[in-house]
N, C-alpha and C. Protein backbone atom coordinates (compact mmCIF):
# COMPACT_ATOMS: atom_id res chain seq x y z
N MET A 1 -16.47 45.66 -25.69
CA MET A 1 -17.54 45.21 -26.74
C MET A 1 -18.26 44.12 -26.34
N ASP A 2 -19.50 44.18 -26.39
CA ASP A 2 -20.47 43.09 -25.98
C ASP A 2 -20.36 41.82 -26.73
N ASP A 3 -20.85 40.92 -26.45
CA ASP A 3 -20.67 39.37 -26.97
C ASP A 3 -21.31 39.52 -28.40
N ARG A 4 -22.35 39.95 -28.79
CA ARG A 4 -23.00 40.04 -30.11
C ARG A 4 -21.98 40.86 -30.92
N GLY A 5 -21.37 42.02 -30.38
CA GLY A 5 -20.55 42.85 -31.25
C GLY A 5 -19.30 41.97 -31.58
N ALA A 6 -18.83 41.15 -30.56
CA ALA A 6 -17.64 40.30 -30.89
C ALA A 6 -17.87 39.32 -31.86
N ALA A 7 -19.09 38.80 -31.83
CA ALA A 7 -19.31 37.88 -32.65
C ALA A 7 -19.34 38.33 -34.15
N VAL A 8 -19.87 39.38 -34.34
CA VAL A 8 -19.72 39.90 -35.74
C VAL A 8 -18.50 40.34 -36.19
N THR A 9 -17.60 40.44 -35.11
CA THR A 9 -16.04 40.62 -35.76
C THR A 9 -15.54 39.43 -36.36
N LEU A 10 -16.30 38.27 -36.20
CA LEU A 10 -15.63 37.36 -37.04
C LEU A 10 -15.91 37.28 -38.41
N LEU A 11 -17.11 37.98 -38.54
CA LEU A 11 -17.27 38.05 -40.24
C LEU A 11 -16.23 38.22 -41.22
N PRO A 12 -15.45 39.38 -40.72
CA PRO A 12 -14.52 39.82 -41.93
C PRO A 12 -13.38 38.78 -41.99
N ASN A 13 -13.33 37.72 -41.26
CA ASN A 13 -12.12 36.60 -41.42
C ASN A 13 -12.68 35.78 -42.54
N HIS A 14 -13.99 35.76 -42.87
CA HIS A 14 -14.42 34.91 -43.93
C HIS A 14 -14.02 33.56 -43.96
N ARG A 15 -13.68 32.95 -42.81
CA ARG A 15 -13.36 31.44 -42.58
C ARG A 15 -14.42 30.77 -42.47
N PRO A 16 -14.61 29.61 -43.02
CA PRO A 16 -15.88 28.77 -42.80
C PRO A 16 -16.28 28.34 -41.31
N GLU A 17 -15.04 28.11 -40.60
CA GLU A 17 -15.41 27.80 -39.23
C GLU A 17 -16.21 29.11 -38.46
N CYS A 18 -15.85 30.26 -38.90
CA CYS A 18 -16.55 31.43 -38.19
C CYS A 18 -18.01 31.40 -38.67
N VAL A 19 -18.51 30.87 -39.77
CA VAL A 19 -19.87 30.93 -40.15
C VAL A 19 -20.43 29.87 -39.16
N ALA A 20 -20.08 28.82 -38.89
CA ALA A 20 -20.77 27.79 -37.96
C ALA A 20 -20.71 28.42 -36.59
N LEU A 21 -19.67 29.10 -36.24
CA LEU A 21 -19.62 29.82 -34.79
C LEU A 21 -20.66 30.72 -34.78
N LEU A 22 -20.99 31.54 -35.94
CA LEU A 22 -21.73 32.62 -35.73
C LEU A 22 -23.34 32.07 -35.73
N SER A 23 -23.51 30.82 -36.28
CA SER A 23 -24.76 30.26 -36.05
C SER A 23 -24.99 29.83 -34.80
N LEU A 24 -24.04 29.38 -34.09
CA LEU A 24 -24.09 29.15 -32.81
C LEU A 24 -24.23 30.28 -31.88
N PHE A 25 -23.64 31.30 -32.11
CA PHE A 25 -23.62 32.50 -31.31
C PHE A 25 -24.93 33.32 -31.60
N ALA A 26 -25.69 33.06 -32.53
CA ALA A 26 -26.71 33.64 -32.79
C ALA A 26 -27.81 32.88 -31.82
N LEU A 27 -27.69 31.84 -31.36
CA LEU A 27 -28.41 31.02 -30.43
C LEU A 27 -28.16 31.31 -28.85
N ILE A 28 -26.69 31.31 -28.58
CA ILE A 28 -26.16 31.25 -27.31
C ILE A 28 -25.12 32.36 -27.09
N ASP A 29 -24.78 32.84 -25.94
CA ASP A 29 -23.58 33.68 -25.81
C ASP A 29 -22.50 32.78 -24.97
N GLY A 30 -22.56 31.58 -24.63
CA GLY A 30 -21.65 30.76 -24.18
C GLY A 30 -22.23 29.72 -23.22
N VAL A 31 -21.65 29.05 -22.98
CA VAL A 31 -22.26 27.68 -21.98
C VAL A 31 -21.16 27.64 -20.95
N SER A 32 -21.53 27.25 -19.75
CA SER A 32 -20.77 27.13 -18.49
C SER A 32 -21.42 26.07 -17.78
N LEU A 33 -20.77 24.98 -17.79
CA LEU A 33 -21.16 23.65 -17.06
C LEU A 33 -20.05 23.14 -16.03
N PRO A 34 -19.78 24.08 -15.25
CA PRO A 34 -18.72 23.60 -14.28
C PRO A 34 -18.67 22.30 -13.49
N ASP A 35 -19.95 22.04 -13.28
CA ASP A 35 -20.31 20.64 -12.40
C ASP A 35 -20.43 19.22 -12.90
N ILE A 36 -20.22 19.44 -14.32
CA ILE A 36 -20.48 18.11 -15.03
C ILE A 36 -19.26 17.50 -15.41
N GLY A 37 -18.79 16.52 -14.95
CA GLY A 37 -17.36 15.97 -15.19
C GLY A 37 -16.31 16.72 -14.57
N ASN A 38 -15.38 17.22 -15.31
CA ASN A 38 -14.33 18.32 -14.77
C ASN A 38 -14.86 19.62 -15.54
N GLY A 39 -16.04 19.62 -16.10
CA GLY A 39 -16.51 20.96 -16.47
C GLY A 39 -16.37 21.06 -17.99
N TYR A 40 -17.30 21.82 -18.58
CA TYR A 40 -17.50 21.95 -19.96
C TYR A 40 -17.72 23.33 -20.20
N PHE A 41 -17.07 24.10 -21.21
CA PHE A 41 -17.48 25.55 -21.48
C PHE A 41 -17.31 25.75 -22.72
N ILE A 42 -18.37 26.50 -23.40
CA ILE A 42 -18.40 27.08 -24.78
C ILE A 42 -18.16 28.70 -24.44
N HIS A 43 -17.08 29.20 -24.93
CA HIS A 43 -16.76 30.49 -24.58
C HIS A 43 -17.62 31.49 -25.41
N PRO A 44 -17.67 32.69 -24.56
CA PRO A 44 -18.50 33.74 -25.09
C PRO A 44 -17.78 34.44 -26.44
N PRO A 45 -18.75 34.90 -27.34
CA PRO A 45 -17.77 35.46 -28.58
C PRO A 45 -16.88 36.46 -28.25
N SER A 46 -17.00 37.00 -27.19
CA SER A 46 -15.95 38.08 -26.76
C SER A 46 -14.55 37.52 -26.54
N THR A 47 -14.63 36.18 -25.84
CA THR A 47 -13.79 35.41 -25.66
C THR A 47 -12.87 34.82 -26.90
N VAL A 48 -13.65 34.28 -27.78
CA VAL A 48 -13.35 33.65 -29.03
C VAL A 48 -12.70 34.68 -29.78
N THR A 49 -13.05 35.71 -30.00
CA THR A 49 -12.46 36.76 -30.72
C THR A 49 -11.16 37.44 -30.15
N ALA A 50 -11.04 37.50 -28.71
CA ALA A 50 -9.91 38.07 -28.08
C ALA A 50 -8.86 37.01 -28.34
N HIS A 51 -9.22 35.72 -28.19
CA HIS A 51 -8.38 34.67 -28.33
C HIS A 51 -7.76 34.59 -29.64
N LEU A 52 -8.69 34.78 -30.64
CA LEU A 52 -8.24 34.64 -32.02
C LEU A 52 -7.25 35.76 -32.28
N ASP A 53 -7.57 37.03 -31.68
CA ASP A 53 -6.62 38.04 -31.89
C ASP A 53 -5.24 37.85 -31.34
N GLU A 54 -5.35 37.32 -29.95
CA GLU A 54 -3.88 37.17 -29.41
C GLU A 54 -3.17 35.90 -29.92
N TYR A 55 -3.68 34.75 -30.23
CA TYR A 55 -3.16 33.44 -30.44
C TYR A 55 -3.34 33.10 -31.81
N GLY A 56 -4.22 33.52 -32.63
CA GLY A 56 -4.47 33.20 -33.95
C GLY A 56 -5.28 31.89 -34.03
N ALA A 57 -5.31 31.24 -35.02
CA ALA A 57 -5.93 29.87 -35.10
C ALA A 57 -4.81 28.68 -34.77
N VAL A 58 -5.15 27.82 -34.34
CA VAL A 58 -4.37 26.77 -33.84
C VAL A 58 -4.14 25.57 -34.66
N PRO A 59 -2.90 25.19 -34.69
CA PRO A 59 -2.82 23.80 -35.75
C PRO A 59 -3.42 22.70 -35.02
N VAL A 60 -4.02 21.96 -35.87
CA VAL A 60 -4.56 20.69 -35.57
C VAL A 60 -4.11 19.55 -36.53
N GLU A 61 -4.59 18.43 -36.58
CA GLU A 61 -4.46 17.27 -37.17
C GLU A 61 -4.28 17.65 -38.85
N ASN A 62 -3.33 17.07 -39.73
CA ASN A 62 -3.61 17.00 -41.15
C ASN A 62 -3.30 18.54 -41.64
N GLY A 63 -2.57 19.20 -40.90
CA GLY A 63 -2.12 20.59 -41.37
C GLY A 63 -3.26 21.66 -41.28
N GLU A 64 -4.50 21.24 -40.75
CA GLU A 64 -5.59 22.18 -40.70
C GLU A 64 -5.39 23.36 -39.49
N HIS A 65 -6.05 24.26 -39.39
CA HIS A 65 -6.14 25.09 -38.40
C HIS A 65 -7.39 25.07 -37.95
N GLY A 66 -7.79 25.53 -36.54
CA GLY A 66 -8.86 25.74 -36.10
C GLY A 66 -9.05 26.96 -35.11
N ILE A 67 -10.37 27.49 -34.94
CA ILE A 67 -10.59 28.49 -33.94
C ILE A 67 -11.06 27.84 -32.78
N VAL A 68 -10.37 28.31 -31.55
CA VAL A 68 -10.63 27.83 -30.33
C VAL A 68 -11.96 28.54 -29.84
N PHE A 69 -12.81 27.71 -29.43
CA PHE A 69 -14.20 28.05 -28.93
C PHE A 69 -14.76 27.69 -27.47
N GLY A 70 -13.77 26.69 -27.28
CA GLY A 70 -14.36 26.18 -25.83
C GLY A 70 -13.16 25.57 -25.05
N SER A 71 -13.39 25.00 -23.89
CA SER A 71 -12.55 24.34 -23.00
C SER A 71 -13.13 23.54 -22.07
N ASP A 72 -12.50 22.69 -21.39
CA ASP A 72 -12.97 21.88 -20.16
C ASP A 72 -12.41 22.26 -18.99
N GLY A 73 -12.91 21.71 -17.80
CA GLY A 73 -12.48 22.36 -16.72
C GLY A 73 -10.86 21.97 -16.23
N GLY A 74 -10.25 21.19 -17.14
CA GLY A 74 -8.92 20.89 -17.26
C GLY A 74 -7.98 21.77 -17.95
N GLY A 75 -8.52 22.61 -18.59
CA GLY A 75 -7.90 23.61 -19.46
C GLY A 75 -7.59 23.25 -20.89
N ASN A 76 -8.15 21.96 -21.29
CA ASN A 76 -8.04 21.46 -22.55
C ASN A 76 -8.92 22.41 -23.39
N LEU A 77 -8.34 22.50 -24.75
CA LEU A 77 -9.12 23.53 -25.56
C LEU A 77 -9.87 22.73 -26.52
N PHE A 78 -10.97 23.25 -27.20
CA PHE A 78 -11.78 22.88 -28.18
C PHE A 78 -11.63 23.77 -29.36
N ALA A 79 -11.37 23.35 -30.56
CA ALA A 79 -11.06 24.11 -31.73
C ALA A 79 -11.90 23.64 -32.83
N LEU A 80 -12.47 24.53 -33.65
CA LEU A 80 -13.20 24.21 -34.86
C LEU A 80 -12.60 24.48 -36.08
N THR A 81 -12.41 23.71 -36.90
CA THR A 81 -11.76 23.84 -38.22
C THR A 81 -12.73 24.24 -39.33
N ALA A 82 -12.10 24.56 -40.42
CA ALA A 82 -12.82 24.97 -41.60
C ALA A 82 -13.80 23.73 -42.24
N SER A 83 -12.97 22.44 -42.04
CA SER A 83 -13.69 21.33 -42.51
C SER A 83 -14.80 21.02 -41.65
N GLY A 84 -15.07 21.65 -40.45
CA GLY A 84 -15.99 21.43 -39.55
C GLY A 84 -16.08 20.44 -38.29
N THR A 85 -14.76 19.95 -38.36
CA THR A 85 -14.40 19.00 -37.33
C THR A 85 -14.18 19.72 -35.91
N VAL A 86 -14.23 19.26 -34.85
CA VAL A 86 -13.98 19.86 -33.56
C VAL A 86 -12.96 18.96 -33.08
N HIS A 87 -11.66 19.56 -32.62
CA HIS A 87 -10.72 19.08 -32.25
C HIS A 87 -10.55 19.43 -30.75
N LYS A 88 -9.65 18.54 -29.82
CA LYS A 88 -9.37 18.89 -28.57
C LYS A 88 -7.93 18.89 -28.37
N SER A 89 -7.31 19.68 -27.46
CA SER A 89 -5.88 19.93 -27.28
C SER A 89 -5.62 18.64 -26.03
N ARG A 90 -4.60 17.94 -26.31
CA ARG A 90 -3.96 16.92 -25.49
C ARG A 90 -3.85 17.28 -23.96
N THR A 91 -3.37 18.58 -24.01
CA THR A 91 -2.93 19.35 -22.68
C THR A 91 -3.78 20.52 -22.69
N ALA A 92 -3.46 21.19 -21.38
CA ALA A 92 -3.93 22.67 -21.38
C ALA A 92 -2.89 23.80 -22.00
N SER A 93 -2.84 23.63 -23.24
CA SER A 93 -1.93 24.45 -23.97
C SER A 93 -2.25 24.84 -25.57
N TRP A 94 -2.20 26.01 -25.76
CA TRP A 94 -2.55 26.61 -27.18
C TRP A 94 -1.38 25.96 -28.26
N ASN A 95 -0.32 25.53 -27.62
CA ASN A 95 0.87 24.88 -28.61
C ASN A 95 0.75 23.22 -28.73
N ASP A 96 -0.12 22.62 -28.00
CA ASP A 96 -0.15 21.32 -27.71
C ASP A 96 -0.64 20.58 -29.25
N GLU A 97 -0.61 19.30 -29.36
CA GLU A 97 -1.27 18.51 -30.29
C GLU A 97 -2.78 18.62 -30.08
N PHE A 98 -3.45 18.76 -31.19
CA PHE A 98 -5.05 18.56 -31.20
C PHE A 98 -5.36 17.49 -31.81
N TYR A 99 -6.42 16.82 -31.31
CA TYR A 99 -7.02 15.68 -32.11
C TYR A 99 -8.53 15.92 -32.35
N ALA A 100 -9.02 14.92 -33.31
CA ALA A 100 -10.63 15.07 -33.60
C ALA A 100 -11.31 14.38 -32.58
N VAL A 101 -12.23 15.12 -32.20
CA VAL A 101 -13.26 14.47 -31.09
C VAL A 101 -14.78 14.55 -31.81
N ALA A 102 -15.04 15.37 -32.75
CA ALA A 102 -16.35 15.24 -33.39
C ALA A 102 -16.28 15.63 -34.92
N VAL A 103 -17.15 14.91 -35.82
CA VAL A 103 -17.22 15.44 -37.06
C VAL A 103 -17.43 16.64 -37.51
N THR A 104 -18.67 17.03 -36.60
CA THR A 104 -18.96 18.45 -36.99
C THR A 104 -19.55 19.08 -35.46
N LEU A 105 -19.68 20.60 -35.50
CA LEU A 105 -19.96 21.28 -34.49
C LEU A 105 -21.26 20.45 -33.89
N GLY A 106 -22.49 20.34 -34.58
CA GLY A 106 -23.69 19.61 -34.01
C GLY A 106 -23.46 18.28 -33.29
N ASP A 107 -22.29 17.53 -33.91
CA ASP A 107 -22.15 16.26 -33.31
C ASP A 107 -21.49 16.33 -31.98
N PHE A 108 -20.50 17.54 -32.02
CA PHE A 108 -19.86 17.83 -30.69
C PHE A 108 -20.85 18.26 -29.64
N LEU A 109 -21.99 19.18 -30.11
CA LEU A 109 -23.14 19.57 -29.05
C LEU A 109 -23.93 18.47 -28.75
N GLU A 110 -24.25 17.38 -29.74
CA GLU A 110 -24.93 16.23 -29.30
C GLU A 110 -24.32 15.55 -28.26
N GLN A 111 -22.87 15.25 -28.47
CA GLN A 111 -21.87 14.57 -27.31
C GLN A 111 -22.41 15.25 -25.94
N ARG A 112 -22.40 16.49 -25.95
CA ARG A 112 -22.38 17.30 -24.63
C ARG A 112 -23.77 17.01 -24.07
N ARG A 113 -24.68 17.10 -25.03
CA ARG A 113 -26.28 16.91 -24.69
C ARG A 113 -26.23 15.53 -23.95
N ASP A 114 -25.82 14.43 -24.56
CA ASP A 114 -25.76 13.11 -24.10
C ASP A 114 -25.03 13.04 -22.81
N VAL A 115 -24.04 13.74 -22.35
CA VAL A 115 -23.22 13.89 -21.05
C VAL A 115 -24.16 14.48 -20.20
N ILE A 116 -24.80 15.50 -20.59
CA ILE A 116 -25.82 16.29 -19.66
C ILE A 116 -26.87 15.23 -19.15
N GLU A 117 -27.50 14.46 -20.04
CA GLU A 117 -28.62 13.58 -19.94
C GLU A 117 -27.96 12.68 -18.97
N GLN A 118 -27.03 12.00 -19.19
CA GLN A 118 -26.64 10.97 -18.29
C GLN A 118 -26.15 11.46 -16.76
N PHE A 119 -25.71 12.71 -16.86
CA PHE A 119 -25.51 13.31 -15.55
C PHE A 119 -26.66 13.51 -14.72
N VAL A 120 -27.77 14.01 -15.45
CA VAL A 120 -29.10 14.23 -14.67
C VAL A 120 -29.49 13.01 -14.19
N ALA A 121 -29.42 11.69 -15.12
CA ALA A 121 -30.12 10.54 -14.66
C ALA A 121 -29.34 9.84 -13.68
N THR A 122 -28.07 9.96 -13.61
CA THR A 122 -27.24 8.99 -13.00
C THR A 122 -26.46 9.82 -11.72
N GLY A 123 -26.05 11.33 -11.94
CA GLY A 123 -25.16 11.77 -11.17
C GLY A 123 -23.51 11.72 -11.82
N HIS A 124 -23.57 11.02 -12.94
CA HIS A 124 -22.19 10.66 -13.25
C HIS A 124 -22.47 11.01 -14.83
N PRO A 125 -21.28 11.81 -15.27
CA PRO A 125 -21.38 12.26 -16.59
C PRO A 125 -21.00 11.43 -17.72
N GLY A 126 -20.21 10.08 -17.32
CA GLY A 126 -19.73 9.25 -18.15
C GLY A 126 -18.76 9.80 -18.87
N ALA A 127 -17.97 9.10 -19.78
CA ALA A 127 -16.70 9.42 -20.59
C ALA A 127 -16.88 10.04 -21.86
N LEU A 128 -16.18 11.28 -22.24
CA LEU A 128 -16.00 11.64 -23.47
C LEU A 128 -14.80 11.35 -24.26
């Protein structure tokens, strides 16, 4: 299945986080930034749907669940919740604790943009 077709398979889930991801995937198929910090990745829709099928939504803070949509070069995962917050796993595990790193997906993407701008200007990504 191509990535656009995979993104469409998120629709039947009727999960609020799927709507935000579909909006993102309408613009991009994924992002690979392996040379910035230890790396940042937004998975393509086919990977997101495959992981959702295999692992389901991951538990995050406050009893919420999120859909994993990205990772860093250390294997830590990023998940988007129905409330719109982005969470990061403490370790490279689907079963580990996740904590909030951004209030919205847009905020998360802006954080990444700031890291890229700093990396371009200085050669160092700074801390996230």
